[in-house]
Amino acid sequence: MTKDLKLAHLALLSVAMIYGANYILAKDVMDGFLEPRGFILLRAMGATLLFWLFHRSSKSVKIERGDYWRFALAGLFGVALNQIMFFEGLQRTTPINASIIMTVNPIVVMLLSALLLKESLGWAKMVGILLGAVGAGWLISGKGEVDLLNDNTSLGNILVFINATSYGLYLIVVKPLMAKYPAIQVVKWVFLLGFVYVLPFGAVELVSAPWSSWTIDIYWKAGFVVLFTTFFAYLFNLYAMKTVSSTTVSAYIYLQPFFATIFALMLGTDELSWRLIGSAGLIFVGVYLANFYKKGYFSK
């Protein structure tokens, strides 16, 4: 395995760990301190400022006119539609349903990559993605009742599915840009455009937030979401995509509920069980097959 490949997988592992912690921390911020769309705008605004400041010390490549539409779509699918649909869907369904639906994302990415990017689909990759989905689904379903067909949650389920599909489309749309431009240059424009899209939907909620009631604890949790869940997570994903496929990036999504459970165990809010052990085994075998099962892979 080459150095670049090792760093790419390390970046994706870091993203999975960040999102695992985010499940616990972001919920506290939205518990009476900041409404979802206001939180999305805060994330987009904060990350956009960080990306543009960070890029000042990096090189730029002139953007080809034919790529403008791709940047616009990446901002729409990767920031605005992705995040708005998830939070709006989550308000209309259960966290368990939403987490289960999110496991379809790598499957969507795998199929779209084959159709649009002409990526090859070997048996190991397909079996790995499916095993990962089963493992993540088993882990999540053990935390509560799954009811995807309930009329009261059907709209929310649809919105979360749109979210999962939107992020899948983002990974497909942004992949060719990574072959032409530095990762930081790509993500700074993606977030600037995403911020413009989100601004009309989240401005009122952000301005009207009860800022005087925010505690130091809430500020650092919101800061974690902006700095790590948004800035570093998106940057690490794009960095990895310069080396690995869109399908590989999406496969690491299956590790997110695993890390969320590990953090919950550390905080004493969850218990070790055979379900956790069994589902973790399926997830890791799935991620291995989808990303590493290749003759001579580790000797490169």
C-alpha atoms as a PDB file:
ATOM      1  CA  MET A   1       0.000   0.000   0.000  1.00  0.00           C
ATOM      2  CA  THR A   2       1.456   3.368  -1.019  1.00  0.00           C
ATOM      3  CA  LYS A   3       1.872   6.284   1.379  1.00  0.00           C
ATOM      4  CA  ASP A   4      -0.860   8.286  -0.366  1.00  0.00           C
ATOM      5  CA  LEU A   5      -3.246   5.347  -0.089  1.00  0.00           C
ATOM      6  CA  LYS A   6      -2.499   4.903   3.612  1.00  0.00           C
ATOM      7  CA  LEU A   7      -3.096   8.604   4.252  1.00  0.00           C
ATOM      8  CA  ALA A   8      -6.361   8.502   2.298  1.00  0.00           C
ATOM      9  CA  HIS A   9      -7.729   5.634   4.398  1.00  0.00           C
ATOM     10  CA  LEU A  10      -6.497   7.308   7.588  1.00  0.00           C
ATOM     11  CA  ALA A  11      -8.377  10.463   6.569  1.00  0.00           C
ATOM     12  CA  LEU A  12     -11.580   8.469   5.960  1.00  0.00           C
ATOM     13  CA  LEU A  13     -11.203   6.677   9.295  1.00  0.00           C
ATOM     14  CA  SER A  14     -10.837  10.061  10.988  1.00  0.00           C
ATOM     15  CA  VAL A  15     -14.024  11.282   9.293  1.00  0.00           C
ATOM     16  CA  ALA A  16     -15.948   8.251  10.569  1.00  0.00           C
ATOM     17  CA  MET A  17     -14.719   8.925  14.106  1.00  0.00           C
ATOM     18  CA  ILE A  18     -15.658  12.611  13.869  1.00  0.00           C
ATOM     19  CA  TYR A  19     -19.182  11.797  12.717  1.00  0.00           C
ATOM     20  CA  GLY A  20     -19.470   9.178  15.440  1.00  0.00           C
ATOM     21  CA  ALA A  21     -18.831  11.856  18.067  1.00  0.00           C
ATOM     22  CA  ASN A  22     -21.062  14.312  16.205  1.00  0.00           C
ATOM     23  CA  TYR A  23     -24.153  12.141  16.785  1.00  0.00           C
ATOM     24  CA  ILE A  24     -23.797  12.862  20.502  1.00  0.00           C
ATOM     25  CA  LEU A  25     -22.598  16.487  20.505  1.00  0.00           C
ATOM     26  CA  ALA A  26     -24.788  18.081  17.792  1.00  0.00           C
ATOM     27  CA  LYS A  27     -27.986  16.858  19.432  1.00  0.00           C
ATOM     28  CA  ASP A  28     -27.239  18.906  22.574  1.00  0.00           C
ATOM     29  CA  VAL A  29     -26.866  22.124  20.545  1.00  0.00           C
ATOM     30  CA  MET A  30     -30.269  21.654  18.895  1.00  0.00           C
ATOM     31  CA  ASP A  31     -31.944  20.918  22.218  1.00  0.00           C
ATOM     32  CA  GLY A  32     -33.385  24.397  22.708  1.00  0.00           C
ATOM     33  CA  PHE A  33     -30.306  26.437  21.711  1.00  0.00           C
ATOM     34  CA  LEU A  34     -30.355  26.485  17.904  1.00  0.00           C
ATOM     35  CA  GLU A  35     -32.968  25.305  15.413  1.00  0.00           C
ATOM     36  CA  PRO A  36     -31.824  22.869  12.672  1.00  0.00           C
ATOM     37  CA  ARG A  37     -31.781  25.242   9.698  1.00  0.00           C
ATOM     38  CA  GLY A  38     -30.030  27.903  11.758  1.00  0.00           C
ATOM     39  CA  PHE A  39     -27.446  25.294  12.734  1.00  0.00           C
ATOM     40  CA  ILE A  40     -26.943  24.358   9.068  1.00  0.00           C
ATOM     41  CA  LEU A  41     -26.346  28.019   8.196  1.00  0.00           C
ATOM     42  CA  LEU A  42     -23.895  28.374  11.102  1.00  0.00           C
ATOM     43  CA  ARG A  43     -22.004  25.323   9.858  1.00  0.00           C
ATOM     44  CA  ALA A  44     -21.915  26.580   6.271  1.00  0.00           C
ATOM     45  CA  MET A  45     -20.891  30.100   7.272  1.00  0.00           C
ATOM     46  CA  GLY A  46     -18.220  29.022   9.751  1.00  0.00           C
ATOM     47  CA  ALA A  47     -16.729  26.387   7.452  1.00  0.00           C
ATOM     48  CA  THR A  48     -16.756  28.748   4.457  1.00  0.00           C
ATOM     49  CA  LEU A  49     -14.724  31.331   6.402  1.00  0.00           C
ATOM     50  CA  LEU A  50     -12.260  28.659   7.539  1.00  0.00           C
ATOM     51  CA  PHE A  51     -11.835  27.204   4.048  1.00  0.00           C
ATOM     52  CA  TRP A  52     -11.205  30.613   2.466  1.00  0.00           C
ATOM     53  CA  LEU A  53      -8.739  31.635   5.193  1.00  0.00           C
ATOM     54  CA  PHE A  54      -6.948  28.282   4.977  1.00  0.00           C
ATOM     55  CA  HIS A  55      -6.700  28.516   1.178  1.00  0.00           C
ATOM     56  CA  ARG A  56      -4.866  31.865   1.335  1.00  0.00           C
ATOM     57  CA  SER A  57      -1.619  29.975   1.957  1.00  0.00           C
ATOM     58  CA  SER A  58      -2.244  27.368  -0.743  1.00  0.00           C
ATOM     59  CA  LYS A  59      -1.920  27.407  -4.495  1.00  0.00           C
ATOM     60  CA  SER A  60      -4.861  27.909  -6.864  1.00  0.00           C
ATOM     61  CA  VAL A  61      -5.537  26.559 -10.323  1.00  0.00           C
ATOM     62  CA  LYS A  62      -7.610  28.556 -12.796  1.00  0.00           C
ATOM     63  CA  ILE A  63     -11.097  27.050 -12.939  1.00  0.00           C
ATOM     64  CA  GLU A  64     -12.193  26.025 -16.410  1.00  0.00           C
ATOM     65  CA  ARG A  65     -15.476  27.587 -17.535  1.00  0.00           C
ATOM     66  CA  GLY A  66     -16.984  24.182 -18.223  1.00  0.00           C
ATOM     67  CA  ASP A  67     -16.561  23.212 -14.546  1.00  0.00           C
ATOM     68  CA  TYR A  68     -18.662  26.039 -13.086  1.00  0.00           C
ATOM     69  CA  TRP A  69     -21.854  24.015 -13.332  1.00  0.00           C
ATOM     70  CA  ARG A  70     -20.182  21.100 -11.528  1.00  0.00           C
ATOM     71  CA  PHE A  71     -19.148  23.348  -8.636  1.00  0.00           C
ATOM     72  CA  ALA A  72     -22.711  24.693  -8.455  1.00  0.00           C
ATOM     73  CA  LEU A  73     -24.131  21.153  -8.290  1.00  0.00           C
ATOM     74  CA  ALA A  74     -21.574  20.094  -5.692  1.00  0.00           C
ATOM     75  CA  GLY A  75     -22.606  22.997  -3.470  1.00  0.00           C
ATOM     76  CA  LEU A  76     -26.270  22.106  -3.940  1.00  0.00           C
ATOM     77  CA  PHE A  77     -25.967  18.341  -3.367  1.00  0.00           C
ATOM     78  CA  GLY A  78     -23.098  18.325  -0.868  1.00  0.00           C
ATOM     79  CA  VAL A  79     -24.083  21.191   1.433  1.00  0.00           C
ATOM     80  CA  ALA A  80     -27.553  22.670   0.928  1.00  0.00           C
ATOM     81  CA  LEU A  81     -29.859  19.849  -0.158  1.00  0.00           C
ATOM     82  CA  ASN A  82     -27.913  17.215   1.753  1.00  0.00           C
ATOM     83  CA  GLN A  83     -28.081  18.940   5.131  1.00  0.00           C
ATOM     84  CA  ILE A  84     -31.514  20.575   4.846  1.00  0.00           C
ATOM     85  CA  MET A  85     -33.201  17.339   3.792  1.00  0.00           C
ATOM     86  CA  PHE A  86     -31.586  15.438   6.647  1.00  0.00           C
ATOM     87  CA  PHE A  87     -32.646  17.824   9.399  1.00  0.00           C
ATOM     88  CA  GLU A  88     -36.106  18.403   7.946  1.00  0.00           C
ATOM     89  CA  GLY A  89     -36.524  14.653   7.557  1.00  0.00           C
ATOM     90  CA  LEU A  90     -35.284  13.969  11.069  1.00  0.00           C
ATOM     91  CA  GLN A  91     -37.979  16.275  12.466  1.00  0.00           C
ATOM     92  CA  ARG A  92     -40.627  14.144  10.735  1.00  0.00           C
ATOM     93  CA  THR A  93     -39.314  10.668  11.455  1.00  0.00           C
ATOM     94  CA  THR A  94     -37.408   8.859  14.189  1.00  0.00           C
ATOM     95  CA  PRO A  95     -33.595   8.898  14.624  1.00  0.00           C
ATOM     96  CA  ILE A  96     -33.624   5.101  14.235  1.00  0.00           C
ATOM     97  CA  ASN A  97     -35.485   5.259  10.911  1.00  0.00           C
ATOM     98  CA  ALA A  98     -33.181   8.029   9.673  1.00  0.00           C
ATOM     99  CA  SER A  99     -30.038   6.080  10.590  1.00  0.00           C
ATOM    100  CA  ILE A 100     -31.319   2.938   8.872  1.00  0.00           C
ATOM    101  CA  ILE A 101     -32.150   4.853   5.678  1.00  0.00           C
ATOM    102  CA  MET A 102     -28.676   6.443   5.648  1.00  0.00           C
ATOM    103  CA  THR A 103     -27.136   2.995   5.207  1.00  0.00           C
ATOM    104  CA  VAL A 104     -28.338   3.023   1.574  1.00  0.00           C
ATOM    105  CA  ASN A 105     -25.874   5.829   0.762  1.00  0.00           C
ATOM    106  CA  PRO A 106     -22.895   3.572  -0.121  1.00  0.00           C
ATOM    107  CA  ILE A 107     -25.197   1.398  -2.240  1.00  0.00           C
ATOM    108  CA  VAL A 108     -26.421   4.473  -4.133  1.00  0.00           C
ATOM    109  CA  VAL A 109     -22.841   5.681  -4.614  1.00  0.00           C
ATOM    110  CA  MET A 110     -21.705   2.253  -5.813  1.00  0.00           C
ATOM    111  CA  LEU A 111     -24.455   2.109  -8.459  1.00  0.00           C
ATOM    112  CA  LEU A 112     -24.021   5.726  -9.587  1.00  0.00           C
ATOM    113  CA  SER A 113     -20.243   5.313  -9.777  1.00  0.00           C
ATOM    114  CA  ALA A 114     -20.695   2.323 -12.062  1.00  0.00           C
ATOM    115  CA  LEU A 115     -23.205   4.154 -14.267  1.00  0.00           C
ATOM    116  CA  LEU A 116     -21.731   7.658 -14.402  1.00  0.00           C
ATOM    117  CA  LEU A 117     -18.015   7.275 -13.596  1.00  0.00           C
ATOM    118  CA  LYS A 118     -17.651   3.805 -15.130  1.00  0.00           C
ATOM    119  CA  GLU A 119     -16.007   2.438 -11.970  1.00  0.00           C
ATOM    120  CA  SER A 120     -15.655  -1.329 -11.975  1.00  0.00           C
ATOM    121  CA  LEU A 121     -17.792  -3.372  -9.577  1.00  0.00           C
ATOM    122  CA  GLY A 122     -16.049  -6.541  -8.472  1.00  0.00           C
ATOM    123  CA  TRP A 123     -17.776  -9.182  -6.368  1.00  0.00           C
ATOM    124  CA  ALA A 124     -15.751  -8.228  -3.268  1.00  0.00           C
ATOM    125  CA  LYS A 125     -16.834  -4.595  -3.445  1.00  0.00           C
ATOM    126  CA  MET A 126     -20.509  -5.466  -3.899  1.00  0.00           C
ATOM    127  CA  VAL A 127     -20.514  -8.084  -1.128  1.00  0.00           C
ATOM    128  CA  GLY A 128     -18.568  -5.724   1.148  1.00  0.00           C
ATOM    129  CA  ILE A 129     -21.055  -2.883   0.680  1.00  0.00           C
ATOM    130  CA  LEU A 130     -23.992  -5.214   1.372  1.00  0.00           C
ATOM    131  CA  LEU A 131     -22.341  -6.745   4.469  1.00  0.00           C
ATOM    132  CA  GLY A 132     -21.581  -3.277   5.782  1.00  0.00           C
ATOM    133  CA  ALA A 133     -25.211  -2.256   5.259  1.00  0.00           C
ATOM    134  CA  VAL A 134     -26.441  -5.337   7.134  1.00  0.00           C
ATOM    135  CA  GLY A 135     -23.998  -4.761   9.988  1.00  0.00           C
ATOM    136  CA  ALA A 136     -24.834  -1.054  10.341  1.00  0.00           C
ATOM    137  CA  GLY A 137     -28.560  -1.778  10.066  1.00  0.00           C
ATOM    138  CA  TRP A 138     -28.344  -4.459  12.754  1.00  0.00           C
ATOM    139  CA  LEU A 139     -26.399  -2.162  15.079  1.00  0.00           C
ATOM    140  CA  ILE A 140     -28.797   0.765  14.639  1.00  0.00           C
ATOM    141  CA  SER A 141     -31.983  -1.309  14.832  1.00  0.00           C
ATOM    142  CA  GLY A 142     -30.958  -2.630  18.240  1.00  0.00           C
ATOM    143  CA  LYS A 143     -31.354   0.867  19.703  1.00  0.00           C
ATOM    144  CA  GLY A 144     -35.102   1.126  19.136  1.00  0.00           C
ATOM    145  CA  GLU A 145     -38.098   0.225  16.992  1.00  0.00           C
ATOM    146  CA  VAL A 146     -37.736   0.448  13.220  1.00  0.00           C
ATOM    147  CA  ASP A 147     -40.947   1.384  11.395  1.00  0.00           C
ATOM    148  CA  LEU A 148     -40.248   2.670   7.899  1.00  0.00           C
ATOM    149  CA  LEU A 149     -43.816   2.220   6.627  1.00  0.00           C
ATOM    150  CA  ASN A 150     -45.647   4.235   9.295  1.00  0.00           C
ATOM    151  CA  ASP A 151     -47.829   6.958   7.736  1.00  0.00           C
ATOM    152  CA  ASN A 152     -46.749   9.440  10.416  1.00  0.00           C
ATOM    153  CA  THR A 153     -43.098   9.150   9.460  1.00  0.00           C
ATOM    154  CA  SER A 154     -43.314   8.443   5.723  1.00  0.00           C
ATOM    155  CA  LEU A 155     -42.584  12.046   4.645  1.00  0.00           C
ATOM    156  CA  GLY A 156     -39.598  12.225   6.967  1.00  0.00           C
ATOM    157  CA  ASN A 157     -38.308   8.899   5.650  1.00  0.00           C
ATOM    158  CA  ILE A 158     -38.551  10.203   2.081  1.00  0.00           C
ATOM    159  CA  LEU A 159     -36.673  13.400   2.973  1.00  0.00           C
ATOM    160  CA  VAL A 160     -33.881  11.426   4.656  1.00  0.00           C
ATOM    161  CA  PHE A 161     -33.647   9.183   1.589  1.00  0.00           C
ATOM    162  CA  ILE A 162     -33.320  12.319  -0.568  1.00  0.00           C
ATOM    163  CA  ASN A 163     -30.541  13.402   1.783  1.00  0.00           C
ATOM    164  CA  ALA A 164     -28.711  10.088   1.351  1.00  0.00           C
ATOM    165  CA  THR A 165     -29.120  10.224  -2.423  1.00  0.00           C
ATOM    166  CA  SER A 166     -28.053  13.870  -2.517  1.00  0.00           C
ATOM    167  CA  TYR A 167     -24.786  13.133  -0.706  1.00  0.00           C
ATOM    168  CA  GLY A 168     -24.213  10.218  -3.060  1.00  0.00           C
ATOM    169  CA  LEU A 169     -24.649  12.537  -6.043  1.00  0.00           C
ATOM    170  CA  TYR A 170     -22.246  15.004  -4.422  1.00  0.00           C
ATOM    171  CA  LEU A 171     -19.518  12.353  -4.210  1.00  0.00           C
ATOM    172  CA  ILE A 172     -20.051  11.568  -7.896  1.00  0.00           C
ATOM    173  CA  VAL A 173     -20.181  15.193  -9.059  1.00  0.00           C
ATOM    174  CA  VAL A 174     -17.139  16.320  -7.080  1.00  0.00           C
ATOM    175  CA  LYS A 175     -14.873  13.391  -8.023  1.00  0.00           C
ATOM    176  CA  PRO A 176     -13.781  14.771 -11.461  1.00  0.00           C
ATOM    177  CA  LEU A 177     -13.003  18.145  -9.861  1.00  0.00           C
ATOM    178  CA  MET A 178     -10.493  16.475  -7.570  1.00  0.00           C
ATOM    179  CA  ALA A 179      -8.479  15.368 -10.593  1.00  0.00           C
ATOM    180  CA  LYS A 180      -8.061  18.994 -11.717  1.00  0.00           C
ATOM    181  CA  TYR A 181      -7.897  21.195  -8.636  1.00  0.00           C
ATOM    182  CA  PRO A 182      -6.431  21.171  -5.093  1.00  0.00           C
ATOM    183  CA  ALA A 183      -8.836  19.775  -2.498  1.00  0.00           C
ATOM    184  CA  ILE A 184      -8.949  23.013  -0.481  1.00  0.00           C
ATOM    185  CA  GLN A 185      -9.780  25.036  -3.598  1.00  0.00           C
ATOM    186  CA  VAL A 186     -12.631  22.692  -4.463  1.00  0.00           C
ATOM    187  CA  VAL A 187     -14.162  22.655  -1.004  1.00  0.00           C
ATOM    188  CA  LYS A 188     -13.948  26.428  -0.490  1.00  0.00           C
ATOM    189  CA  TRP A 189     -16.064  27.047  -3.600  1.00  0.00           C
ATOM    190  CA  VAL A 190     -18.428  24.185  -2.783  1.00  0.00           C
ATOM    191  CA  PHE A 191     -19.114  25.676   0.648  1.00  0.00           C
ATOM    192  CA  LEU A 192     -19.401  29.257  -0.567  1.00  0.00           C
ATOM    193  CA  LEU A 193     -22.083  28.192  -3.038  1.00  0.00           C
ATOM    194  CA  GLY A 194     -23.692  25.968  -0.410  1.00  0.00           C
ATOM    195  CA  PHE A 195     -23.782  28.925   2.006  1.00  0.00           C
ATOM    196  CA  VAL A 196     -25.567  31.039  -0.620  1.00  0.00           C
ATOM    197  CA  TYR A 197     -28.160  28.292  -1.134  1.00  0.00           C
ATOM    198  CA  VAL A 198     -28.765  27.827   2.611  1.00  0.00           C
ATOM    199  CA  LEU A 199     -28.844  31.533   3.592  1.00  0.00           C
ATOM    200  CA  PRO A 200     -32.547  32.177   2.768  1.00  0.00           C
ATOM    201  CA  PHE A 201     -33.655  29.086   4.704  1.00  0.00           C
ATOM    202  CA  GLY A 202     -31.623  29.502   7.889  1.00  0.00           C
ATOM    203  CA  ALA A 203     -31.118  33.253   8.398  1.00  0.00           C
ATOM    204  CA  VAL A 204     -34.184  33.823  10.603  1.00  0.00           C
ATOM    205  CA  GLU A 205     -33.466  30.806  12.833  1.00  0.00           C
ATOM    206  CA  LEU A 206     -29.805  31.793  13.273  1.00  0.00           C
ATOM    207  CA  VAL A 207     -30.549  35.445  14.114  1.00  0.00           C
ATOM    208  CA  SER A 208     -33.402  34.579  16.502  1.00  0.00           C
ATOM    209  CA  ALA A 209     -31.433  31.926  18.442  1.00  0.00           C
ATOM    210  CA  PRO A 210     -31.377  32.480  22.242  1.00  0.00           C
ATOM    211  CA  TRP A 211     -27.686  33.394  22.315  1.00  0.00           C
ATOM    212  CA  SER A 212     -27.856  34.755  25.877  1.00  0.00           C
ATOM    213  CA  SER A 213     -28.741  31.289  27.167  1.00  0.00           C
ATOM    214  CA  TRP A 214     -25.749  29.589  25.545  1.00  0.00           C
ATOM    215  CA  THR A 215     -23.297  28.069  27.993  1.00  0.00           C
ATOM    216  CA  ILE A 216     -19.597  27.385  27.495  1.00  0.00           C
ATOM    217  CA  ASP A 217     -20.488  23.732  26.996  1.00  0.00           C
ATOM    218  CA  ILE A 218     -22.878  24.551  24.138  1.00  0.00           C
ATOM    219  CA  TYR A 219     -20.358  26.887  22.517  1.00  0.00           C
ATOM    220  CA  TRP A 220     -17.619  24.260  22.407  1.00  0.00           C
ATOM    221  CA  LYS A 221     -20.027  21.609  21.102  1.00  0.00           C
ATOM    222  CA  ALA A 222     -21.196  23.949  18.330  1.00  0.00           C
ATOM    223  CA  GLY A 223     -17.538  24.753  17.658  1.00  0.00           C
ATOM    224  CA  PHE A 224     -16.761  21.042  17.341  1.00  0.00           C
ATOM    225  CA  VAL A 225     -19.528  20.666  14.737  1.00  0.00           C
ATOM    226  CA  VAL A 226     -18.255  23.626  12.703  1.00  0.00           C
ATOM    227  CA  LEU A 227     -14.535  22.867  12.996  1.00  0.00           C
ATOM    228  CA  PHE A 228     -14.443  19.062  12.929  1.00  0.00           C
ATOM    229  CA  THR A 229     -17.769  17.743  11.567  1.00  0.00           C
ATOM    230  CA  THR A 230     -17.849  20.337   8.801  1.00  0.00           C
ATOM    231  CA  PHE A 231     -14.397  21.812   8.097  1.00  0.00           C
ATOM    232  CA  PHE A 232     -12.110  18.828   8.721  1.00  0.00           C
ATOM    233  CA  ALA A 233     -14.595  16.107   7.699  1.00  0.00           C
ATOM    234  CA  TYR A 234     -15.314  17.613   4.274  1.00  0.00           C
ATOM    235  CA  LEU A 235     -11.647  18.458   3.711  1.00  0.00           C
ATOM    236  CA  PHE A 236     -10.505  14.942   4.680  1.00  0.00           C
ATOM    237  CA  ASN A 237     -13.125  13.353   2.410  1.00  0.00           C
ATOM    238  CA  LEU A 238     -12.025  15.418  -0.577  1.00  0.00           C
ATOM    239  CA  TYR A 239      -8.357  14.771   0.191  1.00  0.00           C
ATOM    240  CA  ALA A 240      -9.063  11.028   0.170  1.00  0.00           C
ATOM    241  CA  MET A 241     -10.978  11.280  -3.097  1.00  0.00           C
ATOM    242  CA  LYS A 242      -7.799  12.356  -4.881  1.00  0.00           C
ATOM    243  CA  THR A 243      -6.549   8.813  -4.286  1.00  0.00           C
ATOM    244  CA  VAL A 244      -9.548   6.498  -3.800  1.00  0.00           C
ATOM    245  CA  SER A 245     -12.938   6.053  -5.455  1.00  0.00           C
ATOM    246  CA  SER A 246     -16.270   7.589  -4.465  1.00  0.00           C
ATOM    247  CA  THR A 247     -17.450   4.125  -3.438  1.00  0.00           C
ATOM    248  CA  THR A 248     -14.541   3.768  -1.021  1.00  0.00           C
ATOM    249  CA  VAL A 249     -15.346   7.128   0.586  1.00  0.00           C
ATOM    250  CA  SER A 250     -19.004   6.181   1.054  1.00  0.00           C
ATOM    251  CA  ALA A 251     -18.184   2.708   2.458  1.00  0.00           C
ATOM    252  CA  TYR A 252     -16.656   4.327   5.538  1.00  0.00           C
ATOM    253  CA  ILE A 253     -20.123   5.656   6.422  1.00  0.00           C
ATOM    254  CA  TYR A 254     -20.825   2.211   7.909  1.00  0.00           C
ATOM    255  CA  LEU A 255     -18.203   2.860  10.599  1.00  0.00           C
ATOM    256  CA  GLN A 256     -20.022   5.978  11.868  1.00  0.00           C
ATOM    257  CA  PRO A 257     -22.707   4.191  13.953  1.00  0.00           C
ATOM    258  CA  PHE A 258     -19.999   1.877  15.287  1.00  0.00           C
ATOM    259  CA  PHE A 259     -17.899   4.792  16.555  1.00  0.00           C
ATOM    260  CA  ALA A 260     -21.031   6.527  17.873  1.00  0.00           C
ATOM    261  CA  THR A 261     -21.715   3.390  19.935  1.00  0.00           C
ATOM    262  CA  ILE A 262     -18.106   3.250  21.161  1.00  0.00           C
ATOM    263  CA  PHE A 263     -18.317   6.860  22.342  1.00  0.00           C
ATOM    264  CA  ALA A 264     -21.647   6.069  24.018  1.00  0.00           C
ATOM    265  CA  LEU A 265     -19.976   3.150  25.821  1.00  0.00           C
ATOM    266  CA  MET A 266     -17.212   5.466  26.994  1.00  0.00           C
ATOM    267  CA  LEU A 267     -19.818   7.900  28.351  1.00  0.00           C
ATOM    268  CA  GLY A 268     -21.762   5.101  30.014  1.00  0.00           C
ATOM    269  CA  THR A 269     -24.936   5.637  27.944  1.00  0.00           C
ATOM    270  CA  ASP A 270     -24.763   2.256  26.170  1.00  0.00           C
ATOM    271  CA  GLU A 271     -23.767  -1.294  27.105  1.00  0.00           C
ATOM    272  CA  LEU A 272     -21.535  -3.855  25.438  1.00  0.00           C
ATOM    273  CA  SER A 273     -23.588  -6.654  23.866  1.00  0.00           C
ATOM    274  CA  TRP A 274     -23.334  -9.518  21.403  1.00  0.00           C
ATOM    275  CA  ARG A 275     -25.306  -7.346  18.959  1.00  0.00           C
ATOM    276  CA  LEU A 276     -22.533  -4.743  19.041  1.00  0.00           C
ATOM    277  CA  ILE A 277     -19.816  -7.385  18.631  1.00  0.00           C
ATOM    278  CA  GLY A 278     -21.617  -9.187  15.790  1.00  0.00           C
ATOM    279  CA  SER A 279     -22.612  -6.047  13.902  1.00  0.00           C
ATOM    280  CA  ALA A 280     -19.106  -4.598  14.293  1.00  0.00           C
ATOM    281  CA  GLY A 281     -17.702  -7.797  12.786  1.00  0.00           C
ATOM    282  CA  LEU A 282     -19.982  -7.498   9.752  1.00  0.00           C
ATOM    283  CA  ILE A 283     -19.127  -3.813   9.328  1.00  0.00           C
ATOM    284  CA  PHE A 284     -15.364  -4.346   9.443  1.00  0.00           C
ATOM    285  CA  VAL A 285     -15.500  -7.362   7.117  1.00  0.00           C
ATOM    286  CA  GLY A 286     -17.683  -5.330   4.746  1.00  0.00           C
ATOM    287  CA  VAL A 287     -15.352  -2.328   4.767  1.00  0.00           C
ATOM    288  CA  TYR A 288     -12.370  -4.661   4.238  1.00  0.00           C
ATOM    289  CA  LEU A 289     -13.964  -6.387   1.244  1.00  0.00           C
ATOM    290  CA  ALA A 290     -15.145  -3.116  -0.291  1.00  0.00           C
ATOM    291  CA  ASN A 291     -11.801  -1.370   0.038  1.00  0.00           C
ATOM    292  CA  PHE A 292      -8.882  -3.727   0.646  1.00  0.00           C
ATOM    293  CA  TYR A 293      -9.667  -7.153  -0.795  1.00  0.00           C
ATOM    294  CA  LYS A 294      -7.398  -7.141  -3.791  1.00  0.00           C
ATOM    295  CA  LYS A 295      -4.466  -9.376  -4.631  1.00  0.00           C
ATOM    296  CA  GLY A 296      -1.234  -7.643  -3.696  1.00  0.00           C
ATOM    297  CA  TYR A 297      -3.077  -4.610  -2.275  1.00  0.00           C
ATOM    298  CA  PHE A 298      -1.067  -4.310   0.922  1.00  0.00           C
ATOM    299  CA  SER A 299       2.259  -4.856  -0.808  1.00  0.00           C
ATOM    300  CA  LYS A 300       1.955  -1.825  -3.020  1.00  0.00           C
END
